[in-house]
């Protein structure tokens, strides 16, 4: 019972970080994918998506390392090296810092679709039962937080790129 609860919490963590990215990606590509003349910030939105996703992956990695550090400090627990395939997949988001991978924003979308499909699976499976409605409620809250995290990440990447561009021109 405890193992299934821990697995559920870990799954919610992953959904919190990565499941909101496909919607942000779709919005950015729909509205600003072709770019607009004269606005360099708007034109850099699609190119900034993979770096924003990598930033979210980096934050996830840092929180996971913090969790390992905290658990190793508790004498009764073994260090938290519980690595599931989904967690490894989530940690792979940091590879989008590599210039070769961030040139093609579609790769980051494909990476995040795994978590989006988990979210959709919960929605479909949860429609028939009372416990399912609670799971859907939790997932919707987590999904909202995920969208906010990914949006803030994109804004930070854009702001950083803009400031670096201003510094380089001076």
N, C-alpha and C. Protein backbone atom coordinates (compact mmCIF):
# COMPACT_ATOMS: atom_id res chain seq x y z
N UNK A 1 0.82 -1.20 0.00
CA UNK A 1 0.00 0.00 0.00
C UNK A 1 0.86 1.26 0.00
N UNK A 2 1.89 1.26 0.86
CA UNK A 2 2.76 2.42 0.95
C UNK A 2 3.54 2.61 -0.36
N UNK A 3 3.97 1.49 -0.97
CA UNK A 3 4.70 1.59 -2.23
C UNK A 3 3.84 2.20 -3.32
N UNK A 4 2.56 1.81 -3.37
CA UNK A 4 1.70 2.37 -4.41
C UNK A 4 1.43 3.86 -4.16
N UNK A 5 1.35 4.25 -2.90
CA UNK A 5 1.17 5.67 -2.59
C UNK A 5 2.41 6.47 -3.00
N UNK A 6 3.59 5.93 -2.69
CA UNK A 6 4.83 6.61 -3.06
C UNK A 6 4.94 6.70 -4.58
N UNK A 7 4.57 5.63 -5.28
CA UNK A 7 4.60 5.66 -6.75
C UNK A 7 3.63 6.71 -7.29
N UNK A 8 2.46 6.84 -6.67
CA UNK A 8 1.48 7.84 -7.09
C UNK A 8 2.02 9.24 -6.88
N UNK A 9 2.66 9.49 -5.75
CA UNK A 9 3.22 10.81 -5.47
C UNK A 9 4.36 11.12 -6.45
N UNK A 10 5.20 10.14 -6.74
CA UNK A 10 6.27 10.36 -7.71
C UNK A 10 5.70 10.66 -9.10
N UNK A 11 4.62 9.99 -9.45
CA UNK A 11 3.98 10.24 -10.74
C UNK A 11 3.41 11.66 -10.77
N UNK A 12 2.80 12.09 -9.67
CA UNK A 12 2.30 13.46 -9.61
C UNK A 12 3.43 14.48 -9.73
N UNK A 13 4.58 14.18 -9.14
CA UNK A 13 5.75 15.06 -9.28
C UNK A 13 6.13 15.21 -10.74
N UNK A 14 6.20 14.09 -11.44
CA UNK A 14 6.57 14.12 -12.85
C UNK A 14 5.53 14.89 -13.67
N UNK A 15 4.26 14.65 -13.39
CA UNK A 15 3.21 15.37 -14.10
C UNK A 15 3.28 16.86 -13.81
N UNK A 16 3.64 17.21 -12.58
CA UNK A 16 3.74 18.61 -12.20
C UNK A 16 4.78 19.34 -13.03
N UNK A 17 5.86 18.68 -13.32
CA UNK A 17 6.92 19.35 -14.05
C UNK A 17 6.72 19.30 -15.57
N UNK A 18 6.26 18.20 -16.09
CA UNK A 18 6.38 18.00 -17.52
C UNK A 18 5.07 17.93 -18.32
N UNK A 19 3.94 17.74 -17.68
CA UNK A 19 2.71 17.50 -18.45
C UNK A 19 2.12 18.76 -19.08
N UNK A 20 2.42 19.93 -18.57
CA UNK A 20 1.86 21.16 -19.11
C UNK A 20 2.59 21.71 -20.32
N UNK A 21 3.75 21.16 -20.61
CA UNK A 21 4.56 21.68 -21.72
C UNK A 21 3.88 21.54 -23.09
N UNK A 22 3.23 20.42 -23.42
CA UNK A 22 2.62 20.33 -24.76
C UNK A 22 1.61 21.42 -25.07
N UNK A 23 0.82 21.84 -24.09
CA UNK A 23 -0.15 22.91 -24.33
C UNK A 23 0.58 24.24 -24.57
N UNK A 24 1.60 24.52 -23.76
CA UNK A 24 2.38 25.73 -23.97
C UNK A 24 3.04 25.71 -25.34
N UNK A 25 3.58 24.57 -25.71
CA UNK A 25 4.20 24.40 -27.02
C UNK A 25 3.18 24.68 -28.13
N UNK A 26 1.99 24.08 -28.00
CA UNK A 26 0.95 24.27 -29.02
C UNK A 26 0.53 25.74 -29.12
N UNK A 27 0.38 26.40 -27.99
CA UNK A 27 -0.01 27.81 -28.01
C UNK A 27 1.06 28.68 -28.67
N UNK A 28 2.29 28.47 -28.29
CA UNK A 28 3.38 29.28 -28.85
C UNK A 28 3.50 29.04 -30.35
N UNK A 29 3.46 27.79 -30.76
CA UNK A 29 3.62 27.49 -32.18
C UNK A 29 2.40 27.94 -32.99
N UNK A 30 1.23 27.91 -32.40
CA UNK A 30 0.03 28.34 -33.12
C UNK A 30 0.02 29.84 -33.35
N UNK A 31 0.37 30.59 -32.33
CA UNK A 31 0.28 32.04 -32.41
C UNK A 31 1.55 32.71 -32.92
N UNK A 32 2.71 32.16 -32.55
CA UNK A 32 3.96 32.84 -32.87
C UNK A 32 4.95 31.96 -33.62
N UNK A 33 4.52 30.81 -34.09
CA UNK A 33 5.42 29.88 -34.76
C UNK A 33 6.05 30.43 -36.03
N UNK A 34 5.33 31.26 -36.74
CA UNK A 34 5.85 31.83 -37.99
C UNK A 34 6.64 33.10 -37.75
N UNK A 35 6.52 33.67 -36.56
CA UNK A 35 7.24 34.89 -36.23
C UNK A 35 6.55 36.12 -36.78
N UNK A 36 6.94 37.25 -36.26
CA UNK A 36 6.39 38.52 -36.71
C UNK A 36 7.54 39.46 -37.02
N UNK A 37 7.37 40.25 -38.02
CA UNK A 37 8.43 41.17 -38.41
C UNK A 37 8.62 42.25 -37.36
N UNK A 38 9.88 42.52 -37.06
CA UNK A 38 10.19 43.65 -36.21
C UNK A 38 10.15 43.38 -34.71
N UNK A 39 9.74 42.21 -34.26
CA UNK A 39 9.67 41.94 -32.83
C UNK A 39 10.58 40.74 -32.51
N UNK A 40 11.82 41.01 -32.09
CA UNK A 40 12.77 39.92 -31.86
C UNK A 40 12.39 39.01 -30.69
N UNK A 41 11.72 39.55 -29.69
CA UNK A 41 11.32 38.72 -28.55
C UNK A 41 10.28 37.70 -28.99
N UNK A 42 9.29 38.14 -29.74
CA UNK A 42 8.24 37.24 -30.22
C UNK A 42 8.84 36.21 -31.18
N UNK A 43 9.77 36.64 -32.02
CA UNK A 43 10.41 35.72 -32.96
C UNK A 43 11.24 34.66 -32.27
N UNK A 44 11.73 34.95 -31.08
CA UNK A 44 12.56 33.97 -30.36
C UNK A 44 11.73 33.01 -29.51
N UNK A 45 10.43 33.22 -29.41
CA UNK A 45 9.59 32.33 -28.61
C UNK A 45 9.70 30.86 -29.01
N UNK A 46 9.49 30.50 -30.27
CA UNK A 46 9.57 29.08 -30.63
C UNK A 46 10.95 28.48 -30.38
N UNK A 47 12.01 29.27 -30.61
CA UNK A 47 13.36 28.76 -30.38
C UNK A 47 13.69 28.63 -28.90
N UNK A 48 12.97 29.34 -28.06
CA UNK A 48 13.23 29.31 -26.62
C UNK A 48 12.52 28.16 -25.92
N UNK A 49 11.58 27.53 -26.58
CA UNK A 49 10.82 26.45 -25.94
C UNK A 49 11.70 25.31 -25.42
N UNK A 50 12.63 24.77 -26.21
CA UNK A 50 13.46 23.68 -25.67
C UNK A 50 14.31 24.08 -24.47
N UNK A 51 14.80 25.33 -24.47
CA UNK A 51 15.59 25.78 -23.32
C UNK A 51 14.71 25.93 -22.08
N UNK A 52 13.48 26.38 -22.28
CA UNK A 52 12.55 26.47 -21.15
C UNK A 52 12.25 25.08 -20.60
N UNK A 53 12.09 24.12 -21.50
CA UNK A 53 11.85 22.73 -21.08
C UNK A 53 13.07 22.17 -20.36
N UNK A 54 14.26 22.50 -20.85
CA UNK A 54 15.49 22.06 -20.18
C UNK A 54 15.61 22.68 -18.79
N UNK A 55 15.17 23.93 -18.66
CA UNK A 55 15.18 24.59 -17.34
C UNK A 55 14.26 23.86 -16.38
N UNK A 56 13.09 23.47 -16.85
CA UNK A 56 12.16 22.71 -16.00
C UNK A 56 12.80 21.37 -15.61
N UNK A 57 13.46 20.72 -16.56
CA UNK A 57 14.16 19.46 -16.26
C UNK A 57 15.28 19.66 -15.26
N UNK A 58 15.98 20.77 -15.36
CA UNK A 58 17.06 21.07 -14.42
C UNK A 58 16.51 21.30 -13.01
N UNK A 59 15.41 22.00 -12.91
CA UNK A 59 14.79 22.21 -11.60
C UNK A 59 14.32 20.88 -11.02
N UNK A 60 13.76 20.02 -11.88
CA UNK A 60 13.35 18.69 -11.43
C UNK A 60 14.56 17.91 -10.91
N UNK A 61 15.68 17.96 -11.63
CA UNK A 61 16.90 17.28 -11.20
C UNK A 61 17.38 17.82 -9.86
N UNK A 62 17.38 19.13 -9.69
CA UNK A 62 17.83 19.73 -8.43
C UNK A 62 16.93 19.33 -7.26
N UNK A 63 15.64 19.30 -7.48
CA UNK A 63 14.73 18.86 -6.41
C UNK A 63 14.91 17.39 -6.10
N UNK A 64 15.17 16.58 -7.11
CA UNK A 64 15.42 15.15 -6.88
C UNK A 64 16.71 14.96 -6.08
N UNK A 65 17.76 15.71 -6.42
CA UNK A 65 19.02 15.63 -5.66
C UNK A 65 18.83 16.10 -4.22
N UNK A 66 18.00 17.11 -4.04
CA UNK A 66 17.69 17.59 -2.69
C UNK A 66 16.98 16.50 -1.89
N UNK A 67 16.05 15.82 -2.54
CA UNK A 67 15.33 14.73 -1.89
C UNK A 67 16.28 13.61 -1.48
N UNK A 68 17.23 13.27 -2.33
CA UNK A 68 18.22 12.24 -2.00
C UNK A 68 19.05 12.69 -0.82
N UNK A 69 19.46 13.94 -0.80
CA UNK A 69 20.28 14.47 0.28
C UNK A 69 19.52 14.44 1.61
N UNK A 70 18.26 14.83 1.58
CA UNK A 70 17.45 14.82 2.80
C UNK A 70 17.24 13.41 3.30
N UNK A 71 16.94 12.49 2.38
CA UNK A 71 16.71 11.10 2.79
C UNK A 71 17.98 10.44 3.31
N UNK A 72 19.14 10.81 2.76
CA UNK A 72 20.38 10.21 3.24
C UNK A 72 20.73 10.75 4.62
N UNK A 73 20.19 11.89 5.00
CA UNK A 73 20.44 12.45 6.32
C UNK A 73 19.59 11.82 7.41
N UNK A 74 18.52 11.14 7.01
CA UNK A 74 17.68 10.45 7.98
C UNK A 74 18.25 9.07 8.21
N UNK A 75 18.54 8.72 9.45
CA UNK A 75 19.24 7.48 9.76
C UNK A 75 18.42 6.23 9.45
N UNK A 76 17.10 6.29 9.59
CA UNK A 76 16.27 5.10 9.43
C UNK A 76 15.98 4.73 7.99
N UNK A 77 16.23 5.63 7.07
CA UNK A 77 15.94 5.37 5.66
C UNK A 77 17.22 5.20 4.87
N UNK A 78 17.16 4.34 3.87
CA UNK A 78 18.28 4.23 2.94
C UNK A 78 18.23 5.43 2.01
N UNK A 79 19.35 5.78 1.42
CA UNK A 79 19.32 6.90 0.47
C UNK A 79 18.30 6.66 -0.64
N UNK A 80 17.65 7.73 -1.05
CA UNK A 80 16.55 7.64 -2.00
C UNK A 80 16.99 7.53 -3.44
N UNK A 81 17.55 6.41 -3.81
CA UNK A 81 17.97 6.20 -5.18
C UNK A 81 16.93 5.41 -5.95
N UNK A 82 15.67 5.65 -5.65
CA UNK A 82 14.57 4.99 -6.34
C UNK A 82 14.41 5.64 -7.71
N UNK A 83 14.97 4.98 -8.71
CA UNK A 83 14.92 5.54 -10.05
C UNK A 83 14.01 4.67 -10.90
N UNK A 84 12.89 5.24 -11.30
CA UNK A 84 11.96 4.54 -12.17
C UNK A 84 12.23 4.96 -13.62
N UNK A 85 11.77 4.18 -14.58
CA UNK A 85 11.96 4.60 -15.98
C UNK A 85 11.35 5.96 -16.29
N UNK A 86 10.21 6.26 -15.69
CA UNK A 86 9.60 7.58 -15.92
C UNK A 86 10.45 8.71 -15.35
N UNK A 87 11.07 8.45 -14.22
CA UNK A 87 11.93 9.47 -13.62
C UNK A 87 13.17 9.70 -14.49
N UNK A 88 13.72 8.62 -15.01
CA UNK A 88 14.86 8.75 -15.91
C UNK A 88 14.45 9.55 -17.15
N UNK A 89 13.25 9.24 -17.68
CA UNK A 89 12.75 9.96 -18.86
C UNK A 89 12.60 11.45 -18.53
N UNK A 90 12.10 11.75 -17.35
CA UNK A 90 11.97 13.15 -16.95
C UNK A 90 13.32 13.83 -16.80
N UNK A 91 14.28 13.12 -16.23
CA UNK A 91 15.61 13.69 -16.05
C UNK A 91 16.30 13.94 -17.39
N UNK A 92 15.92 13.19 -18.41
CA UNK A 92 16.50 13.39 -19.74
C UNK A 92 16.14 14.75 -20.35
N UNK A 93 15.21 15.46 -19.74
CA UNK A 93 14.85 16.78 -20.25
C UNK A 93 16.03 17.74 -20.22
N UNK A 94 17.01 17.48 -19.39
CA UNK A 94 18.16 18.38 -19.32
C UNK A 94 19.02 18.31 -20.58
N UNK A 95 18.84 17.29 -21.40
CA UNK A 95 19.66 17.20 -22.62
C UNK A 95 19.27 18.27 -23.64
N UNK A 96 18.14 18.95 -23.40
CA UNK A 96 17.74 20.01 -24.33
C UNK A 96 18.54 21.29 -24.12
N UNK A 97 19.49 21.27 -23.19
CA UNK A 97 20.45 22.37 -23.10
C UNK A 97 21.45 22.27 -24.24
N UNK A 98 21.61 21.07 -24.80
CA UNK A 98 22.56 20.87 -25.90
C UNK A 98 22.08 21.62 -27.14
N UNK A 99 22.94 22.41 -27.75
CA UNK A 99 22.52 23.19 -28.92
C UNK A 99 21.95 22.35 -30.06
N UNK A 100 22.50 21.18 -30.28
CA UNK A 100 22.02 20.33 -31.38
C UNK A 100 20.57 19.90 -31.17
N UNK A 101 20.17 19.67 -29.94
CA UNK A 101 18.80 19.22 -29.67
C UNK A 101 17.83 20.38 -29.56
N UNK A 102 18.29 21.52 -29.11
CA UNK A 102 17.36 22.63 -28.95
C UNK A 102 17.07 23.35 -30.25
N UNK A 103 17.82 23.03 -31.31
CA UNK A 103 17.52 23.63 -32.61
C UNK A 103 16.20 23.14 -33.18
N UNK A 104 15.76 21.96 -32.75
CA UNK A 104 14.51 21.39 -33.26
C UNK A 104 13.53 21.27 -32.08
N UNK A 105 12.66 22.26 -31.90
CA UNK A 105 11.76 22.27 -30.75
C UNK A 105 10.81 21.06 -30.69
N UNK A 106 10.58 20.41 -31.82
CA UNK A 106 9.67 19.27 -31.84
C UNK A 106 10.18 18.14 -30.96
N UNK A 107 11.49 18.00 -30.83
CA UNK A 107 12.03 16.94 -29.97
C UNK A 107 11.58 17.11 -28.52
N UNK A 108 11.57 18.34 -28.05
CA UNK A 108 11.13 18.57 -26.67
C UNK A 108 9.65 18.25 -26.51
N UNK A 109 8.87 18.53 -27.55
CA UNK A 109 7.45 18.18 -27.52
C UNK A 109 7.27 16.67 -27.44
N UNK A 110 7.99 15.94 -28.26
CA UNK A 110 7.89 14.48 -28.25
C UNK A 110 8.27 13.93 -26.87
N UNK A 111 9.32 14.50 -26.29
CA UNK A 111 9.73 14.06 -24.96
C UNK A 111 8.63 14.27 -23.93
N UNK A 112 7.96 15.40 -23.99
CA UNK A 112 6.95 15.71 -22.97
C UNK A 112 5.62 14.99 -23.20
N UNK A 113 5.39 14.49 -24.40
CA UNK A 113 4.12 13.82 -24.69
C UNK A 113 3.91 12.57 -23.84
N UNK A 114 4.99 11.96 -23.41
CA UNK A 114 4.86 10.79 -22.51
C UNK A 114 4.08 11.17 -21.26
N UNK A 115 4.40 12.30 -20.68
CA UNK A 115 3.74 12.74 -19.45
C UNK A 115 2.33 13.27 -19.74
N UNK A 116 2.15 13.88 -20.88
CA UNK A 116 0.83 14.34 -21.26
C UNK A 116 -0.12 13.15 -21.47
N UNK A 117 0.39 12.07 -22.05
CA UNK A 117 -0.43 10.88 -22.24
C UNK A 117 -0.79 10.23 -20.90
N UNK A 118 0.12 10.28 -19.93
CA UNK A 118 -0.21 9.78 -18.58
C UNK A 118 -1.35 10.59 -17.98
N UNK A 119 -1.29 11.89 -18.17
CA UNK A 119 -2.35 12.76 -17.69
C UNK A 119 -3.67 12.42 -18.37
N UNK A 120 -3.65 12.25 -19.68
CA UNK A 120 -4.87 11.90 -20.43
C UNK A 120 -5.39 10.53 -20.01
N UNK A 121 -4.49 9.60 -19.76
CA UNK A 121 -4.90 8.25 -19.31
C UNK A 121 -5.65 8.34 -17.98
N UNK A 122 -5.14 9.15 -17.06
CA UNK A 122 -5.83 9.34 -15.78
C UNK A 122 -7.22 9.92 -15.98
N UNK A 123 -7.34 10.85 -16.90
CA UNK A 123 -8.65 11.46 -17.16
C UNK A 123 -9.64 10.43 -17.70
N UNK A 124 -9.21 9.63 -18.64
CA UNK A 124 -10.10 8.64 -19.25
C UNK A 124 -10.46 7.54 -18.26
N UNK A 125 -9.48 7.03 -17.54
CA UNK A 125 -9.74 5.93 -16.61
C UNK A 125 -10.49 6.39 -15.36
N UNK A 126 -10.38 7.65 -15.02
CA UNK A 126 -11.00 8.14 -13.80
C UNK A 126 -12.45 8.54 -13.92
N UNK A 127 -12.99 8.50 -15.11
CA UNK A 127 -14.35 8.98 -15.30
C UNK A 127 -15.42 8.10 -14.65
N UNK A 128 -15.14 6.82 -14.43
CA UNK A 128 -16.18 5.92 -13.99
C UNK A 128 -16.34 5.69 -12.50
N UNK A 129 -15.41 6.14 -11.68
CA UNK A 129 -15.49 5.78 -10.26
C UNK A 129 -15.30 7.00 -9.37
N UNK A 130 -15.64 6.81 -8.11
CA UNK A 130 -15.49 7.88 -7.11
C UNK A 130 -14.01 8.20 -6.90
N UNK A 131 -13.18 7.15 -6.77
CA UNK A 131 -11.75 7.38 -6.59
C UNK A 131 -11.16 8.05 -7.83
N UNK A 132 -11.71 7.70 -8.99
CA UNK A 132 -11.26 8.30 -10.23
C UNK A 132 -11.50 9.78 -10.28
N UNK A 133 -12.63 10.21 -9.71
CA UNK A 133 -12.93 11.65 -9.68
C UNK A 133 -11.92 12.40 -8.81
N UNK A 134 -11.48 11.76 -7.72
CA UNK A 134 -10.44 12.37 -6.88
C UNK A 134 -9.12 12.45 -7.64
N UNK A 135 -8.80 11.39 -8.38
CA UNK A 135 -7.57 11.39 -9.16
C UNK A 135 -7.63 12.47 -10.23
N UNK A 136 -8.79 12.61 -10.89
CA UNK A 136 -8.94 13.66 -11.90
C UNK A 136 -8.79 15.04 -11.27
N UNK A 137 -9.38 15.21 -10.11
CA UNK A 137 -9.26 16.50 -9.42
C UNK A 137 -7.80 16.81 -9.10
N UNK A 138 -7.07 15.82 -8.57
CA UNK A 138 -5.65 16.01 -8.28
C UNK A 138 -4.87 16.31 -9.55
N UNK A 139 -5.15 15.55 -10.60
CA UNK A 139 -4.42 15.75 -11.86
C UNK A 139 -4.68 17.12 -12.46
N UNK A 140 -5.89 17.61 -12.36
CA UNK A 140 -6.20 18.93 -12.90
C UNK A 140 -5.44 20.02 -12.14
N UNK A 141 -5.35 19.88 -10.83
CA UNK A 141 -4.58 20.84 -10.04
C UNK A 141 -3.10 20.78 -10.42
N UNK A 142 -2.59 19.57 -10.55
CA UNK A 142 -1.20 19.37 -10.91
C UNK A 142 -0.93 19.91 -12.31
N UNK A 143 -1.86 19.68 -13.22
CA UNK A 143 -1.70 20.14 -14.60
C UNK A 143 -1.66 21.67 -14.67
N UNK A 144 -2.50 22.30 -13.88
CA UNK A 144 -2.49 23.76 -13.83
C UNK A 144 -1.15 24.27 -13.32
N UNK A 145 -0.65 23.65 -12.27
CA UNK A 145 0.66 24.05 -11.74
C UNK A 145 1.75 23.81 -12.78
N UNK A 146 1.66 22.71 -13.51
CA UNK A 146 2.63 22.40 -14.55
C UNK A 146 2.63 23.46 -15.65
N UNK A 147 1.46 23.89 -16.05
CA UNK A 147 1.39 24.93 -17.07
C UNK A 147 2.02 26.22 -16.57
N UNK A 148 1.79 26.56 -15.31
CA UNK A 148 2.37 27.77 -14.73
C UNK A 148 3.90 27.64 -14.65
N UNK A 149 4.39 26.49 -14.21
CA UNK A 149 5.84 26.27 -14.12
C UNK A 149 6.48 26.42 -15.49
N UNK A 150 5.87 25.80 -16.49
CA UNK A 150 6.44 25.87 -17.84
C UNK A 150 6.36 27.28 -18.42
N UNK A 151 5.30 28.01 -18.13
CA UNK A 151 5.17 29.39 -18.60
C UNK A 151 6.21 30.29 -17.93
N UNK A 152 6.38 30.15 -16.63
CA UNK A 152 7.39 30.93 -15.92
C UNK A 152 8.78 30.60 -16.44
N UNK A 153 9.02 29.34 -16.71
CA UNK A 153 10.30 28.92 -17.26
C UNK A 153 10.55 29.58 -18.61
N UNK A 154 9.54 29.60 -19.47
CA UNK A 154 9.68 30.25 -20.77
C UNK A 154 9.95 31.75 -20.62
N UNK A 155 9.26 32.38 -19.72
CA UNK A 155 9.47 33.82 -19.47
C UNK A 155 10.89 34.07 -18.97
N UNK A 156 11.38 33.22 -18.07
CA UNK A 156 12.76 33.38 -17.56
C UNK A 156 13.79 33.20 -18.67
N UNK A 157 13.56 32.23 -19.54
CA UNK A 157 14.50 32.01 -20.65
C UNK A 157 14.47 33.20 -21.60
N UNK A 158 13.28 33.69 -21.91
CA UNK A 158 13.18 34.86 -22.80
C UNK A 158 13.84 36.09 -22.18
N UNK A 159 13.59 36.32 -20.91
CA UNK A 159 14.19 37.46 -20.22
C UNK A 159 15.71 37.35 -20.19
N UNK A 160 16.20 36.17 -19.89
CA UNK A 160 17.65 35.95 -19.86
C UNK A 160 18.26 36.16 -21.24
N UNK A 161 17.62 35.62 -22.27
CA UNK A 161 18.12 35.78 -23.64
C UNK A 161 18.12 37.25 -24.03
N UNK A 162 17.08 37.96 -23.68
CA UNK A 162 16.99 39.38 -23.99
C UNK A 162 18.10 40.17 -23.29
N UNK A 163 18.32 39.88 -22.00
CA UNK A 163 19.36 40.59 -21.25
C UNK A 163 20.75 40.26 -21.78
N UNK A 164 20.99 39.02 -22.12
CA UNK A 164 22.29 38.65 -22.69
C UNK A 164 22.49 39.33 -24.04
N UNK A 165 21.42 39.42 -24.82
CA UNK A 165 21.50 40.13 -26.10
C UNK A 165 21.82 41.60 -25.92
N UNK A 166 21.24 42.22 -24.91
CA UNK A 166 21.51 43.64 -24.63
C UNK A 166 22.94 43.83 -24.16
N UNK A 167 23.44 42.92 -23.35
CA UNK A 167 24.81 43.02 -22.86
C UNK A 167 25.80 42.84 -24.01
N UNK A 168 25.52 41.89 -24.90
CA UNK A 168 26.41 41.66 -26.05
C UNK A 168 26.46 42.86 -26.99
N UNK A 169 25.38 43.60 -27.11
CA UNK A 169 25.37 44.75 -28.02
C UNK A 169 26.09 45.95 -27.43
N UNK A 170 26.32 45.96 -26.13
CA UNK A 170 26.99 47.10 -25.48
C UNK A 170 28.46 46.90 -25.38
